[in-house]
Amino acid sequence: MVSKTWYHFTLIYLGSRIIAAEPPRLGTAFKNVQGTFWSTSAWIQDCSFQHWPQPADLPPVAVAKNLYLGAGYCGACVAISAANSRAPPKRGIINTKCVDCPNNALDISPPLWNAVTPKNTRGVIPGKGSIDWTVVPCNFTSDMLLINKEGSSINWFAMQAANSNAPVKSLVVRSAVGLPWLPTTRQDYNFFTRDGLNKSPTVDVEVTCTNGKKVMARNVPLECGIPNNGEILHLVKWVRDLEREHESTH
């Protein structure tokens, strides 16, 4: 028996293919790996968070490309500390990949790097060092966001799930209640895509996170809404939080 709790759910609609790596589970950890100072850090990067404002107190972090593949780490929150440090870790959020980093490394924005990296014998914070890091809950208090990509329509489904407390594992879609759920493909730019869905102007969407939590939105419009100076205005409503740990109705 699945318990169902109804929530008000906000969806934002906006509008750009690759084999996905397995997204991380909460608690995934890496010890004594490389950390570097990301001097040109900016929020809008490979994860395409143009329409999701940077969460407060979560500086951006780039993850090594061996982990990024398929954008599975996009939006994951991480706790970072200097390797073998007893100091409390500091938190950041993955928003892009580091193409030059060795496996499992992080490239860290200035405020976060300075907070976790001890000074050397000359009293200077170095630009590279060894770190420990773990995937942790983001602890957002607001709802998950579903974001349509510019250009999405009844002929091409492209949606991003953002503001998730655990990394997003998958997104499935159906044209109407009673029809089968259809898988989507997560692209390297962090949108789940699929070709036309029986020309239906609205769809049901179900997002599964790596901790087993599921969120479903009904009757989601596929159009992006009316652009205004590059911003998407189409705000909608809803949804049901299924919170099923092991069960699926697919």
C-alpha atoms as a PDB file:
ATOM      1  CA  MET A   1       0.000   0.000   0.000  1.00  0.00           C
ATOM      2  CA  VAL A   2       1.469   3.317  -1.041  1.00  0.00           C
ATOM      3  CA  SER A   3       0.747   6.339   1.114  1.00  0.00           C
ATOM      4  CA  LYS A   4       0.127   9.530  -0.807  1.00  0.00           C
ATOM      5  CA  THR A   5       0.608  13.063   0.416  1.00  0.00           C
ATOM      6  CA  TRP A   6      -0.434  16.021  -1.687  1.00  0.00           C
ATOM      7  CA  TYR A   7       1.693  19.125  -1.935  1.00  0.00           C
ATOM      8  CA  HIS A   8       1.553  22.388  -3.813  1.00  0.00           C
ATOM      9  CA  PHE A   9       4.292  22.079  -6.424  1.00  0.00           C
ATOM     10  CA  THR A  10       5.771  24.830  -8.596  1.00  0.00           C
ATOM     11  CA  LEU A  11       7.002  24.087 -12.097  1.00  0.00           C
ATOM     12  CA  ILE A  12       9.073  26.456 -14.242  1.00  0.00           C
ATOM     13  CA  TYR A  13       9.196  26.121 -18.018  1.00  0.00           C
ATOM     14  CA  LEU A  14      12.236  27.174 -20.101  1.00  0.00           C
ATOM     15  CA  GLY A  15      14.461  25.984 -23.612  1.00  0.00           C
ATOM     16  CA  SER A  16      19.811  22.178 -25.558  1.00  0.00           C
ATOM     17  CA  ARG A  17      22.325  13.288 -25.971  1.00  0.00           C
ATOM     18  CA  ILE A  18      24.998  11.121 -24.177  1.00  0.00           C
ATOM     19  CA  ILE A  19      25.347   7.885 -22.251  1.00  0.00           C
ATOM     20  CA  ALA A  20      24.636   8.549 -18.601  1.00  0.00           C
ATOM     21  CA  ALA A  21      26.799   7.389 -15.737  1.00  0.00           C
ATOM     22  CA  GLU A  22      25.061   6.180 -12.594  1.00  0.00           C
ATOM     23  CA  PRO A  23      24.034   9.195 -10.477  1.00  0.00           C
ATOM     24  CA  PRO A  24      25.465   9.191  -6.950  1.00  0.00           C
ATOM     25  CA  ARG A  25      23.656   7.978  -3.868  1.00  0.00           C
ATOM     26  CA  LEU A  26      23.680   9.984  -0.679  1.00  0.00           C
ATOM     27  CA  GLY A  27      26.753   8.985   1.273  1.00  0.00           C
ATOM     28  CA  THR A  28      28.924   8.340  -1.782  1.00  0.00           C
ATOM     29  CA  ALA A  29      32.393   9.387  -0.604  1.00  0.00           C
ATOM     30  CA  PHE A  30      35.900   9.938  -1.950  1.00  0.00           C
ATOM     31  CA  LYS A  31      38.978  10.108   0.259  1.00  0.00           C
ATOM     32  CA  ASN A  32      42.308  11.818  -0.341  1.00  0.00           C
ATOM     33  CA  VAL A  33      41.563  13.009  -3.881  1.00  0.00           C
ATOM     34  CA  GLN A  34      42.671  16.178  -5.622  1.00  0.00           C
ATOM     35  CA  GLY A  35      41.003  19.483  -4.919  1.00  0.00           C
ATOM     36  CA  THR A  36      41.808  22.678  -6.798  1.00  0.00           C
ATOM     37  CA  PHE A  37      40.936  26.361  -6.686  1.00  0.00           C
ATOM     38  CA  TRP A  38      38.401  27.348  -9.378  1.00  0.00           C
ATOM     39  CA  SER A  39      39.249  30.988  -9.970  1.00  0.00           C
ATOM     40  CA  THR A  40      36.707  31.603 -12.761  1.00  0.00           C
ATOM     41  CA  SER A  41      33.777  29.889 -11.054  1.00  0.00           C
ATOM     42  CA  ALA A  42      30.300  30.870 -12.226  1.00  0.00           C
ATOM     43  CA  TRP A  43      26.871  29.358 -11.608  1.00  0.00           C
ATOM     44  CA  ILE A  44      25.666  28.847 -15.193  1.00  0.00           C
ATOM     45  CA  GLN A  45      27.842  26.067 -16.591  1.00  0.00           C
ATOM     46  CA  ASP A  46      27.484  22.532 -18.032  1.00  0.00           C
ATOM     47  CA  CYS A  47      24.498  21.622 -15.843  1.00  0.00           C
ATOM     48  CA  SER A  48      22.415  24.347 -17.545  1.00  0.00           C
ATOM     49  CA  PHE A  49      21.010  25.958 -14.417  1.00  0.00           C
ATOM     50  CA  GLN A  50      20.116  29.183 -16.231  1.00  0.00           C
ATOM     51  CA  HIS A  51      16.587  29.151 -14.825  1.00  0.00           C
ATOM     52  CA  TRP A  52      17.357  27.858 -11.356  1.00  0.00           C
ATOM     53  CA  PRO A  53      18.988  30.513  -9.160  1.00  0.00           C
ATOM     54  CA  GLN A  54      22.056  29.404  -7.232  1.00  0.00           C
ATOM     55  CA  PRO A  55      20.930  28.148  -3.812  1.00  0.00           C
ATOM     56  CA  ALA A  56      22.020  30.293  -0.901  1.00  0.00           C
ATOM     57  CA  ASP A  57      25.125  29.176   0.997  1.00  0.00           C
ATOM     58  CA  LEU A  58      26.018  26.506  -1.584  1.00  0.00           C
ATOM     59  CA  PRO A  59      29.023  27.653  -3.636  1.00  0.00           C
ATOM     60  CA  PRO A  60      29.422  26.011  -7.075  1.00  0.00           C
ATOM     61  CA  VAL A  61      31.738  23.039  -7.499  1.00  0.00           C
ATOM     62  CA  ALA A  62      33.014  21.283 -10.654  1.00  0.00           C
ATOM     63  CA  VAL A  63      33.307  17.486 -10.559  1.00  0.00           C
ATOM     64  CA  ALA A  64      35.837  15.415 -12.529  1.00  0.00           C
ATOM     65  CA  LYS A  65      34.576  14.312 -15.930  1.00  0.00           C
ATOM     66  CA  ASN A  66      34.766  10.595 -15.048  1.00  0.00           C
ATOM     67  CA  LEU A  67      31.929  11.209 -12.576  1.00  0.00           C
ATOM     68  CA  TYR A  68      30.056  13.872 -14.532  1.00  0.00           C
ATOM     69  CA  LEU A  69      29.274  11.717 -17.618  1.00  0.00           C
ATOM     70  CA  GLY A  70      25.594  12.064 -18.421  1.00  0.00           C
ATOM     71  CA  ALA A  71      25.131  14.899 -15.910  1.00  0.00           C
ATOM     72  CA  GLY A  72      24.291  12.505 -13.068  1.00  0.00           C
ATOM     73  CA  TYR A  73      26.090  14.680 -10.501  1.00  0.00           C
ATOM     74  CA  CYS A  74      24.325  17.897 -11.537  1.00  0.00           C
ATOM     75  CA  GLY A  75      22.596  19.455  -8.554  1.00  0.00           C
ATOM     76  CA  ALA A  76      24.205  17.083  -6.057  1.00  0.00           C
ATOM     77  CA  CYS A  77      25.262  18.691  -2.788  1.00  0.00           C
ATOM     78  CA  VAL A  78      28.672  17.771  -1.422  1.00  0.00           C
ATOM     79  CA  ALA A  79      30.439  18.159   1.922  1.00  0.00           C
ATOM     80  CA  ILE A  80      34.165  18.875   1.527  1.00  0.00           C
ATOM     81  CA  SER A  81      37.083  18.983   3.924  1.00  0.00           C
ATOM     82  CA  ALA A  82      40.846  18.898   3.700  1.00  0.00           C
ATOM     83  CA  ALA A  83      42.050  15.284   3.585  1.00  0.00           C
ATOM     84  CA  ASN A  84      42.066  13.662   7.025  1.00  0.00           C
ATOM     85  CA  SER A  85      40.942  16.910   8.640  1.00  0.00           C
ATOM     86  CA  ARG A  86      38.954  16.878  11.866  1.00  0.00           C
ATOM     87  CA  ALA A  87      37.379  20.224  11.036  1.00  0.00           C
ATOM     88  CA  PRO A  88      33.677  20.217  10.099  1.00  0.00           C
ATOM     89  CA  PRO A  89      33.218  19.894   6.313  1.00  0.00           C
ATOM     90  CA  LYS A  90      31.831  22.733   4.227  1.00  0.00           C
ATOM     91  CA  ARG A  91      29.036  22.289   1.692  1.00  0.00           C
ATOM     92  CA  GLY A  92      28.798  23.139  -1.994  1.00  0.00           C
ATOM     93  CA  ILE A  93      26.775  22.048  -5.031  1.00  0.00           C
ATOM     94  CA  ILE A  94      27.832  20.467  -8.336  1.00  0.00           C
ATOM     95  CA  ASN A  95      27.040  22.674 -11.322  1.00  0.00           C
ATOM     96  CA  THR A  96      29.552  21.585 -13.992  1.00  0.00           C
ATOM     97  CA  LYS A  97      32.395  19.221 -14.921  1.00  0.00           C
ATOM     98  CA  CYS A  98      36.145  19.722 -14.697  1.00  0.00           C
ATOM     99  CA  VAL A  99      37.636  18.432 -17.946  1.00  0.00           C
ATOM    100  CA  ASP A 100      41.252  18.691 -16.763  1.00  0.00           C
ATOM    101  CA  CYS A 101      40.813  17.158 -13.317  1.00  0.00           C
ATOM    102  CA  PRO A 102      42.028  13.657 -12.442  1.00  0.00           C
ATOM    103  CA  ASN A 103      39.427  11.036 -11.570  1.00  0.00           C
ATOM    104  CA  ASN A 104      37.141  11.814  -8.623  1.00  0.00           C
ATOM    105  CA  ALA A 105      38.612  15.295  -8.114  1.00  0.00           C
ATOM    106  CA  LEU A 106      36.774  18.550  -7.461  1.00  0.00           C
ATOM    107  CA  ASP A 107      37.475  22.064  -8.723  1.00  0.00           C
ATOM    108  CA  ILE A 108      36.158  24.357  -6.008  1.00  0.00           C
ATOM    109  CA  SER A 109      34.984  27.976  -6.101  1.00  0.00           C
ATOM    110  CA  PRO A 110      36.972  30.530  -4.042  1.00  0.00           C
ATOM    111  CA  PRO A 111      34.800  30.948  -0.919  1.00  0.00           C
ATOM    112  CA  LEU A 112      34.510  27.216  -0.417  1.00  0.00           C
ATOM    113  CA  TRP A 113      38.150  26.471  -1.255  1.00  0.00           C
ATOM    114  CA  ASN A 114      39.375  29.067   1.210  1.00  0.00           C
ATOM    115  CA  ALA A 115      37.093  27.634   3.889  1.00  0.00           C
ATOM    116  CA  VAL A 116      38.365  24.056   3.618  1.00  0.00           C
ATOM    117  CA  THR A 117      42.035  24.486   2.689  1.00  0.00           C
ATOM    118  CA  PRO A 118      44.640  25.148   5.393  1.00  0.00           C
ATOM    119  CA  LYS A 119      47.433  27.636   4.816  1.00  0.00           C
ATOM    120  CA  ASN A 120      50.881  26.299   4.001  1.00  0.00           C
ATOM    121  CA  THR A 121      54.055  26.996   5.972  1.00  0.00           C
ATOM    122  CA  ARG A 122      54.339  30.409   4.306  1.00  0.00           C
ATOM    123  CA  GLY A 123      50.861  31.363   5.471  1.00  0.00           C
ATOM    124  CA  VAL A 124      49.404  31.069   1.964  1.00  0.00           C
ATOM    125  CA  ILE A 125      46.410  29.009   0.857  1.00  0.00           C
ATOM    126  CA  PRO A 126      47.683  26.822  -2.035  1.00  0.00           C
ATOM    127  CA  GLY A 127      45.778  26.361  -5.286  1.00  0.00           C
ATOM    128  CA  LYS A 128      45.838  22.554  -5.085  1.00  0.00           C
ATOM    129  CA  GLY A 129      45.607  20.027  -2.289  1.00  0.00           C
ATOM    130  CA  SER A 130      44.124  16.748  -1.094  1.00  0.00           C
ATOM    131  CA  ILE A 131      40.492  16.649   0.005  1.00  0.00           C
ATOM    132  CA  ASP A 132      37.803  14.281   1.268  1.00  0.00           C
ATOM    133  CA  TRP A 133      34.261  14.736   0.011  1.00  0.00           C
ATOM    134  CA  THR A 134      30.836  13.126   0.363  1.00  0.00           C
ATOM    135  CA  VAL A 135      27.463  13.468  -1.397  1.00  0.00           C
ATOM    136  CA  VAL A 136      24.988  14.806   1.171  1.00  0.00           C
ATOM    137  CA  PRO A 137      21.335  15.945   1.290  1.00  0.00           C
ATOM    138  CA  CYS A 138      20.809  19.496   0.100  1.00  0.00           C
ATOM    139  CA  ASN A 139      18.200  20.222   2.789  1.00  0.00           C
ATOM    140  CA  PHE A 140      16.120  22.476   0.548  1.00  0.00           C
ATOM    141  CA  THR A 141      12.842  23.542   2.140  1.00  0.00           C
ATOM    142  CA  SER A 142      11.152  24.510  -1.140  1.00  0.00           C
ATOM    143  CA  ASP A 143       9.676  22.206  -3.783  1.00  0.00           C
ATOM    144  CA  MET A 144      11.466  20.457  -6.603  1.00  0.00           C
ATOM    145  CA  LEU A 145      11.358  22.388  -9.888  1.00  0.00           C
ATOM    146  CA  LEU A 146      10.575  20.943 -13.308  1.00  0.00           C
ATOM    147  CA  ILE A 147      11.988  23.127 -16.069  1.00  0.00           C
ATOM    148  CA  ASN A 148      11.129  22.851 -19.760  1.00  0.00           C
ATOM    149  CA  LYS A 149      13.959  23.644 -22.138  1.00  0.00           C
ATOM    150  CA  GLU A 150      13.601  26.405 -24.704  1.00  0.00           C
ATOM    151  CA  GLY A 151      12.300  24.735 -27.856  1.00  0.00           C
ATOM    152  CA  SER A 152      10.464  21.934 -26.081  1.00  0.00           C
ATOM    153  CA  SER A 153       7.038  21.162 -27.532  1.00  0.00           C
ATOM    154  CA  ILE A 154       4.600  18.343 -28.339  1.00  0.00           C
ATOM    155  CA  ASN A 155       7.213  17.143 -30.827  1.00  0.00           C
ATOM    156  CA  TRP A 156      10.229  17.181 -28.507  1.00  0.00           C
ATOM    157  CA  PHE A 157      10.190  16.686 -24.753  1.00  0.00           C
ATOM    158  CA  ALA A 158      13.111  18.238 -22.845  1.00  0.00           C
ATOM    159  CA  MET A 159      12.853  18.784 -19.098  1.00  0.00           C
ATOM    160  CA  GLN A 160      15.191  19.380 -16.170  1.00  0.00           C
ATOM    161  CA  ALA A 161      14.522  18.489 -12.541  1.00  0.00           C
ATOM    162  CA  ALA A 162      16.178  20.938 -10.147  1.00  0.00           C
ATOM    163  CA  ASN A 163      16.110  21.877  -6.470  1.00  0.00           C
ATOM    164  CA  SER A 164      16.148  18.203  -5.443  1.00  0.00           C
ATOM    165  CA  ASN A 165      17.371  17.231  -1.983  1.00  0.00           C
ATOM    166  CA  ALA A 166      18.933  14.028  -3.352  1.00  0.00           C
ATOM    167  CA  PRO A 167      20.561  13.494  -6.762  1.00  0.00           C
ATOM    168  CA  VAL A 168      18.082  12.855  -9.579  1.00  0.00           C
ATOM    169  CA  LYS A 169      18.234   9.305 -10.981  1.00  0.00           C
ATOM    170  CA  SER A 170      15.579   9.240 -13.700  1.00  0.00           C
ATOM    171  CA  LEU A 171      12.563  10.959 -15.211  1.00  0.00           C
ATOM    172  CA  VAL A 172       9.697   9.164 -16.943  1.00  0.00           C
ATOM    173  CA  VAL A 173       6.743  10.632 -18.788  1.00  0.00           C
ATOM    174  CA  ARG A 174       3.306   9.595 -20.060  1.00  0.00           C
ATOM    175  CA  SER A 175       0.704  11.319 -22.204  1.00  0.00           C
ATOM    176  CA  ALA A 176      -2.259  10.452 -19.975  1.00  0.00           C
ATOM    177  CA  VAL A 177      -3.340   8.388 -16.977  1.00  0.00           C
ATOM    178  CA  GLY A 178      -3.595   4.730 -17.985  1.00  0.00           C
ATOM    179  CA  LEU A 179      -0.914   4.927 -20.640  1.00  0.00           C
ATOM    180  CA  PRO A 180       2.508   3.371 -20.001  1.00  0.00           C
ATOM    181  CA  TRP A 181       5.322   5.404 -18.515  1.00  0.00           C
ATOM    182  CA  LEU A 182       8.027   6.113 -21.089  1.00  0.00           C
ATOM    183  CA  PRO A 183      11.726   6.517 -20.297  1.00  0.00           C
ATOM    184  CA  THR A 184      13.725   9.588 -21.225  1.00  0.00           C
ATOM    185  CA  THR A 185      17.427  10.065 -21.906  1.00  0.00           C
ATOM    186  CA  ARG A 186      19.446  12.400 -19.724  1.00  0.00           C
ATOM    187  CA  GLN A 187      21.697  14.519 -21.892  1.00  0.00           C
ATOM    188  CA  ASP A 188      25.126  15.835 -20.950  1.00  0.00           C
ATOM    189  CA  TYR A 189      23.594  19.301 -20.596  1.00  0.00           C
ATOM    190  CA  ASN A 190      21.284  17.988 -17.827  1.00  0.00           C
ATOM    191  CA  PHE A 191      17.917  17.772 -19.566  1.00  0.00           C
ATOM    192  CA  PHE A 192      15.853  14.598 -19.934  1.00  0.00           C
ATOM    193  CA  THR A 193      14.699  14.296 -23.551  1.00  0.00           C
ATOM    194  CA  ARG A 194      12.400  12.203 -25.710  1.00  0.00           C
ATOM    195  CA  ASP A 195      10.854  12.607 -29.147  1.00  0.00           C
ATOM    196  CA  GLY A 196       7.138  13.389 -29.565  1.00  0.00           C
ATOM    197  CA  LEU A 197       4.586  12.037 -27.088  1.00  0.00           C
ATOM    198  CA  ASN A 198       1.480  11.313 -29.185  1.00  0.00           C
ATOM    199  CA  LYS A 199       1.082  15.030 -29.803  1.00  0.00           C
ATOM    200  CA  SER A 200      -0.318  15.566 -26.336  1.00  0.00           C
ATOM    201  CA  PRO A 201      -0.023  19.201 -25.139  1.00  0.00           C
ATOM    202  CA  THR A 202       0.354  18.065 -21.519  1.00  0.00           C
ATOM    203  CA  VAL A 203       2.040  15.104 -19.825  1.00  0.00           C
ATOM    204  CA  ASP A 204       2.447  13.451 -16.451  1.00  0.00           C
ATOM    205  CA  VAL A 205       6.027  13.413 -15.168  1.00  0.00           C
ATOM    206  CA  GLU A 206       7.593  11.257 -12.461  1.00  0.00           C
ATOM    207  CA  VAL A 207      11.069  11.960 -11.083  1.00  0.00           C
ATOM    208  CA  THR A 208      12.993   9.348  -9.095  1.00  0.00           C
ATOM    209  CA  CYS A 209      15.904  10.339  -6.856  1.00  0.00           C
ATOM    210  CA  THR A 210      18.787   8.082  -5.886  1.00  0.00           C
ATOM    211  CA  ASN A 211      17.423   7.762  -2.335  1.00  0.00           C
ATOM    212  CA  GLY A 212      14.223   6.161  -3.703  1.00  0.00           C
ATOM    213  CA  LYS A 213      12.012   9.213  -3.354  1.00  0.00           C
ATOM    214  CA  LYS A 214       9.590   9.825  -6.215  1.00  0.00           C
ATOM    215  CA  VAL A 215       7.798  13.034  -7.163  1.00  0.00           C
ATOM    216  CA  MET A 216       4.991  13.122  -9.717  1.00  0.00           C
ATOM    217  CA  ALA A 217       3.420  16.071 -11.538  1.00  0.00           C
ATOM    218  CA  ARG A 218       0.215  15.742 -13.564  1.00  0.00           C
ATOM    219  CA  ASN A 219      -0.864  17.663 -16.670  1.00  0.00           C
ATOM    220  CA  VAL A 220       2.419  19.467 -17.195  1.00  0.00           C
ATOM    221  CA  PRO A 221       2.281  21.750 -20.270  1.00  0.00           C
ATOM    222  CA  LEU A 222       5.014  21.065 -22.811  1.00  0.00           C
ATOM    223  CA  GLU A 223       5.308  24.589 -24.118  1.00  0.00           C
ATOM    224  CA  CYS A 224       7.827  26.918 -22.525  1.00  0.00           C
ATOM    225  CA  GLY A 225       5.521  29.848 -22.022  1.00  0.00           C
ATOM    226  CA  ILE A 226       5.938  33.421 -23.199  1.00  0.00           C
ATOM    227  CA  PRO A 227       9.542  34.691 -23.310  1.00  0.00           C
ATOM    228  CA  ASN A 228      10.218  38.148 -21.881  1.00  0.00           C
ATOM    229  CA  ASN A 229      13.760  39.448 -22.275  1.00  0.00           C
ATOM    230  CA  GLY A 230      14.988  35.885 -22.341  1.00  0.00           C
ATOM    231  CA  GLU A 231      13.133  34.829 -19.196  1.00  0.00           C
ATOM    232  CA  ILE A 232      10.357  32.237 -19.139  1.00  0.00           C
ATOM    233  CA  LEU A 233       7.191  33.381 -17.405  1.00  0.00           C
ATOM    234  CA  HIS A 234       5.116  30.188 -17.508  1.00  0.00           C
ATOM    235  CA  LEU A 235       4.653  29.187 -13.884  1.00  0.00           C
ATOM    236  CA  VAL A 236       2.299  26.351 -13.088  1.00  0.00           C
ATOM    237  CA  LYS A 237       1.242  24.364  -9.981  1.00  0.00           C
ATOM    238  CA  TRP A 238       0.698  20.993  -8.225  1.00  0.00           C
ATOM    239  CA  VAL A 239       1.775  17.853  -7.194  1.00  0.00           C
ATOM    240  CA  ARG A 240       1.884  14.498  -5.483  1.00  0.00           C
ATOM    241  CA  ASP A 241       4.856  13.267  -3.478  1.00  0.00           C
ATOM    242  CA  LEU A 242       4.782   9.473  -3.499  1.00  0.00           C
ATOM    243  CA  GLU A 243       7.871   8.838  -1.344  1.00  0.00           C
ATOM    244  CA  ARG A 244       8.115   5.188  -2.334  1.00  0.00           C
ATOM    245  CA  GLU A 245      11.354   3.646  -1.232  1.00  0.00           C
ATOM    246  CA  HIS A 246      11.272   0.401  -3.188  1.00  0.00           C
ATOM    247  CA  GLU A 247       7.975   0.211  -5.037  1.00  0.00           C
ATOM    248  CA  SER A 248       7.171   1.337  -8.583  1.00  0.00           C
ATOM    249  CA  THR A 249       3.915   1.352 -10.492  1.00  0.00           C
ATOM    250  CA  HIS A 250       5.580   1.359 -13.913  1.00  0.00           C
END
